[in-house]
Amino acid sequence: MELETLLEQMPAFKQITEKLVARRQLITGVAGSARTLLVSALYQQQQHAQIVITDNNYHMEQLAEDLMNRLPAESVYQFPAEEMLAAEVATSSPDFRLRRVQALHALLNDEHCIVVTSASGLRRFLPAPAVFQQAVVTLKVGDDIDLEQFRLWLGSMGYQLGKMVERPGDFAIRGSIIDSSRVSPGTYILNAFSFPMNFPFNRV
């Protein structure tokens, strides 16, 4: 029998889940593996996105790793943020940006998931969901695209134009070929020859 199943049978856990339906519930005295077990059990009970806040990025990564040992890895997201504004401006991490976009995308679609963040992530200013949704573009085989407009759109979304795609947030244009990183691992290659786009995305 899984530990979550044993926890769910405890009267105290049932009281927590019942009160969470109607209002907020303060839970104290839970740390380490007990906290991981509690969050994992609540994930299985609650069929919607949950946000867990830690004090710093180190503990955020620790908790996320522990949760991925008990839950499907694709259901656990991290929303990291630099703890000092100067560090955020000077050393904006492409990996941090990628993980934040993944977490926001999951929340926007109300996925059954857990988003783990830190106090600095909670304080970070974010665009409204409607604005974030406007930054999503959907392409399919046969669509017409304007190469220059698409390049400008990628730039306005924060993508960096380069000779090749080396990290999340990069894109490159070689003739009619648009090579761009994507939110999940891998890259997409668009062949926009003759504009219309007559070749599908290739994931490599």
Protein backbone atom coordinates (compact mmCIF):
# COMPACT_ATOMS: atom_id res chain seq x y z
CA MET A 1 0.00 0.00 0.00
CA GLU A 2 1.36 3.44 -0.92
CA LEU A 3 2.12 5.92 1.83
CA GLU A 4 -0.34 8.41 0.30
CA THR A 5 -3.13 5.86 0.71
CA LEU A 6 -2.30 5.42 4.39
CA LEU A 7 -2.20 9.19 4.86
CA GLU A 8 -5.57 9.65 3.15
CA GLN A 9 -7.16 7.27 5.68
CA MET A 10 -6.07 9.41 8.65
CA PRO A 11 -8.84 11.58 10.21
CA ALA A 12 -6.56 14.65 10.25
CA PHE A 13 -6.02 14.42 6.47
CA LYS A 14 -9.75 14.13 5.85
CA GLN A 15 -10.31 17.27 7.92
CA ILE A 16 -7.72 19.12 5.83
CA THR A 17 -9.29 18.16 2.50
CA GLU A 18 -12.80 19.01 3.71
CA LYS A 19 -11.76 22.48 4.88
CA LEU A 20 -9.75 23.16 1.72
CA VAL A 21 -12.94 22.97 -0.32
CA ALA A 22 -14.55 25.91 1.44
CA ARG A 23 -11.61 28.07 2.61
CA ARG A 24 -7.93 28.31 3.31
CA GLN A 25 -6.39 25.90 5.79
CA LEU A 26 -3.26 26.55 7.84
CA ILE A 27 -1.10 23.45 8.36
CA THR A 28 1.92 23.68 10.66
CA GLY A 29 4.61 21.33 11.94
CA VAL A 30 5.15 19.59 8.59
CA ALA A 31 8.64 19.47 7.06
CA GLY A 32 10.99 17.26 5.08
CA SER A 33 9.61 14.00 3.71
CA ALA A 34 6.34 14.49 5.62
CA ARG A 35 5.69 17.69 3.68
CA THR A 36 6.45 15.94 0.39
CA LEU A 37 4.05 13.13 1.29
CA LEU A 38 1.32 15.59 2.26
CA VAL A 39 1.63 17.61 -0.96
CA SER A 40 1.67 14.39 -3.00
CA ALA A 41 -1.49 13.13 -1.29
CA LEU A 42 -3.26 16.47 -1.79
CA TYR A 43 -2.31 16.36 -5.47
CA GLN A 44 -4.07 13.03 -5.83
CA GLN A 45 -7.16 14.39 -4.05
CA GLN A 46 -7.39 17.78 -5.78
CA GLN A 47 -8.03 17.68 -9.54
CA HIS A 48 -6.64 21.11 -10.33
CA ALA A 49 -3.40 23.05 -10.30
CA GLN A 50 -1.72 23.68 -6.96
CA ILE A 51 1.00 26.18 -6.06
CA VAL A 52 3.52 25.38 -3.31
CA ILE A 53 5.73 28.20 -2.01
CA THR A 54 9.12 27.69 -0.35
CA ASP A 55 11.48 30.22 1.18
CA ASN A 56 14.18 30.14 -1.53
CA ASN A 57 15.17 28.54 -4.86
CA TYR A 58 17.31 25.86 -3.20
CA HIS A 59 14.40 24.49 -1.20
CA MET A 60 12.14 24.90 -4.23
CA GLU A 61 14.38 22.59 -6.28
CA GLN A 62 14.67 20.13 -3.39
CA LEU A 63 10.91 19.88 -2.97
CA ALA A 64 10.32 19.59 -6.72
CA GLU A 65 12.85 16.75 -6.98
CA ASP A 66 11.24 14.95 -4.03
CA LEU A 67 7.79 15.32 -5.57
CA MET A 68 8.99 13.96 -8.92
CA ASN A 69 10.07 10.81 -7.08
CA ARG A 70 6.45 10.24 -6.05
CA LEU A 71 4.47 11.82 -8.90
CA PRO A 72 4.78 11.87 -12.70
CA ALA A 73 7.63 14.23 -13.57
CA GLU A 74 5.49 16.01 -16.17
CA SER A 75 3.03 17.06 -13.46
CA VAL A 76 5.61 18.97 -11.38
CA TYR A 77 6.75 22.42 -12.52
CA GLN A 78 9.17 24.94 -11.06
CA PHE A 79 8.81 28.72 -11.15
CA PRO A 80 12.27 30.02 -10.20
CA ALA A 81 13.15 33.68 -9.72
CA GLU A 82 16.34 35.42 -8.65
CA GLU A 83 16.18 36.52 -5.05
CA MET A 84 17.83 39.88 -5.79
CA LEU A 85 16.61 42.27 -8.49
CA ALA A 86 20.19 43.12 -9.49
CA ALA A 87 20.93 39.45 -10.14
CA GLU A 88 17.76 39.11 -12.21
CA VAL A 89 18.75 42.03 -14.44
CA ALA A 90 22.44 41.16 -14.73
CA THR A 91 22.25 37.38 -15.14
CA SER A 92 18.79 36.58 -16.47
CA SER A 93 18.94 32.80 -16.88
CA PRO A 94 17.44 31.29 -20.06
CA ASP A 95 16.74 28.13 -18.06
CA PHE A 96 14.82 30.12 -15.45
CA ARG A 97 12.78 31.81 -18.19
CA LEU A 98 12.00 28.44 -19.78
CA ARG A 99 10.81 26.92 -16.51
CA ARG A 100 8.67 29.97 -15.74
CA VAL A 101 6.99 29.79 -19.15
CA GLN A 102 6.33 26.07 -18.69
CA ALA A 103 4.75 26.70 -15.27
CA LEU A 104 2.61 29.61 -16.50
CA HIS A 105 1.45 27.57 -19.49
CA ALA A 106 0.36 24.75 -17.17
CA LEU A 107 -1.52 27.18 -14.92
CA LEU A 108 -3.16 28.91 -17.88
CA ASN A 109 -4.51 25.57 -19.11
CA ASP A 110 -5.53 24.56 -15.56
CA GLU A 111 -3.56 21.34 -15.79
CA HIS A 112 -3.67 18.87 -12.92
CA CYS A 113 -0.20 19.77 -11.68
CA ILE A 114 1.91 21.21 -8.89
CA VAL A 115 3.88 24.42 -9.39
CA VAL A 116 6.66 24.89 -6.85
CA THR A 117 8.06 28.39 -6.43
CA SER A 118 9.92 30.51 -3.88
CA ALA A 119 9.04 33.69 -2.02
CA SER A 120 10.85 35.70 -4.72
CA GLY A 121 8.80 33.93 -7.39
CA LEU A 122 5.60 34.84 -5.53
CA ARG A 123 6.62 38.51 -5.55
CA ARG A 124 7.46 38.58 -9.25
CA PHE A 125 5.24 40.79 -11.42
CA LEU A 126 3.50 38.79 -14.15
CA PRO A 127 1.31 39.64 -17.15
CA ALA A 128 -2.42 39.06 -16.91
CA PRO A 129 -3.53 35.61 -18.15
CA ALA A 130 -5.22 37.22 -21.18
CA VAL A 131 -1.98 38.96 -22.14
CA PHE A 132 -0.01 35.72 -21.73
CA GLN A 133 -2.55 33.90 -23.91
CA GLN A 134 -2.11 36.51 -26.66
CA ALA A 135 1.57 35.54 -26.83
CA VAL A 136 0.65 32.00 -27.93
CA VAL A 137 0.80 31.32 -31.65
CA THR A 138 -0.60 28.17 -33.25
CA LEU A 139 0.74 27.04 -36.62
CA LYS A 140 -0.36 24.11 -38.72
CA VAL A 141 0.52 22.63 -42.07
CA GLY A 142 -0.67 24.84 -44.93
CA ASP A 143 -0.74 28.10 -42.96
CA ASP A 144 0.59 31.23 -44.66
CA ILE A 145 3.23 33.10 -42.68
CA ASP A 146 5.12 36.29 -43.36
CA LEU A 147 8.76 35.54 -42.56
CA GLU A 148 9.61 39.11 -41.55
CA GLN A 149 6.52 39.52 -39.40
CA PHE A 150 7.18 36.17 -37.75
CA ARG A 151 10.76 37.22 -37.01
CA LEU A 152 9.52 40.45 -35.42
CA TRP A 153 6.93 38.53 -33.40
CA LEU A 154 9.57 36.15 -32.03
CA GLY A 155 11.74 39.12 -31.10
CA SER A 156 8.86 40.85 -29.31
CA MET A 157 8.28 37.68 -27.29
CA GLY A 158 11.88 37.75 -26.03
CA TYR A 159 13.46 35.24 -28.42
CA GLN A 160 17.05 35.99 -29.40
CA LEU A 161 18.04 35.80 -33.06
CA GLY A 162 21.33 33.97 -33.64
CA LYS A 163 23.19 31.84 -36.15
CA MET A 164 22.00 28.64 -34.49
CA VAL A 165 19.74 27.50 -31.65
CA GLU A 166 21.92 26.75 -28.64
CA ARG A 167 19.61 27.31 -25.66
CA PRO A 168 15.95 27.93 -24.80
CA GLY A 169 14.79 31.26 -26.20
CA ASP A 170 17.01 31.23 -29.30
CA PHE A 171 15.88 31.17 -32.93
CA ALA A 172 17.70 31.23 -36.24
CA ILE A 173 16.68 31.93 -39.84
CA ARG A 174 18.48 30.35 -42.78
CA GLY A 175 16.78 31.20 -46.05
CA SER A 176 13.23 29.89 -45.70
CA ILE A 177 14.11 27.76 -42.65
CA ILE A 178 13.10 28.98 -39.18
CA ASP A 179 14.79 27.07 -36.36
CA SER A 180 13.42 27.78 -32.90
CA SER A 181 13.53 26.30 -29.43
CA ARG A 182 10.27 25.26 -27.85
CA VAL A 183 8.78 25.16 -24.37
CA SER A 184 9.34 21.42 -23.88
CA PRO A 185 12.67 19.71 -24.62
CA GLY A 186 13.79 19.74 -28.25
CA THR A 187 13.53 22.22 -31.09
CA TYR A 188 11.17 22.90 -33.96
CA ILE A 189 12.23 23.48 -37.54
CA LEU A 190 9.78 25.26 -39.85
CA ASN A 191 10.20 25.13 -43.59
CA ALA A 192 8.43 28.25 -44.80
CA PHE A 193 9.56 27.86 -48.40
CA SER A 194 7.50 30.04 -50.74
CA PHE A 195 5.50 31.16 -47.72
CA PRO A 196 2.94 29.24 -47.47
CA MET A 197 4.28 26.88 -44.85
CA ASN A 198 3.98 23.56 -46.62
CA PHE A 199 6.06 21.37 -44.31
CA PRO A 200 5.12 20.34 -40.76
CA PHE A 201 7.15 21.01 -37.66
CA ASN A 202 10.06 18.65 -37.21
CA ARG A 203 11.10 17.95 -33.66
CA VAL A 204 14.83 17.24 -33.29
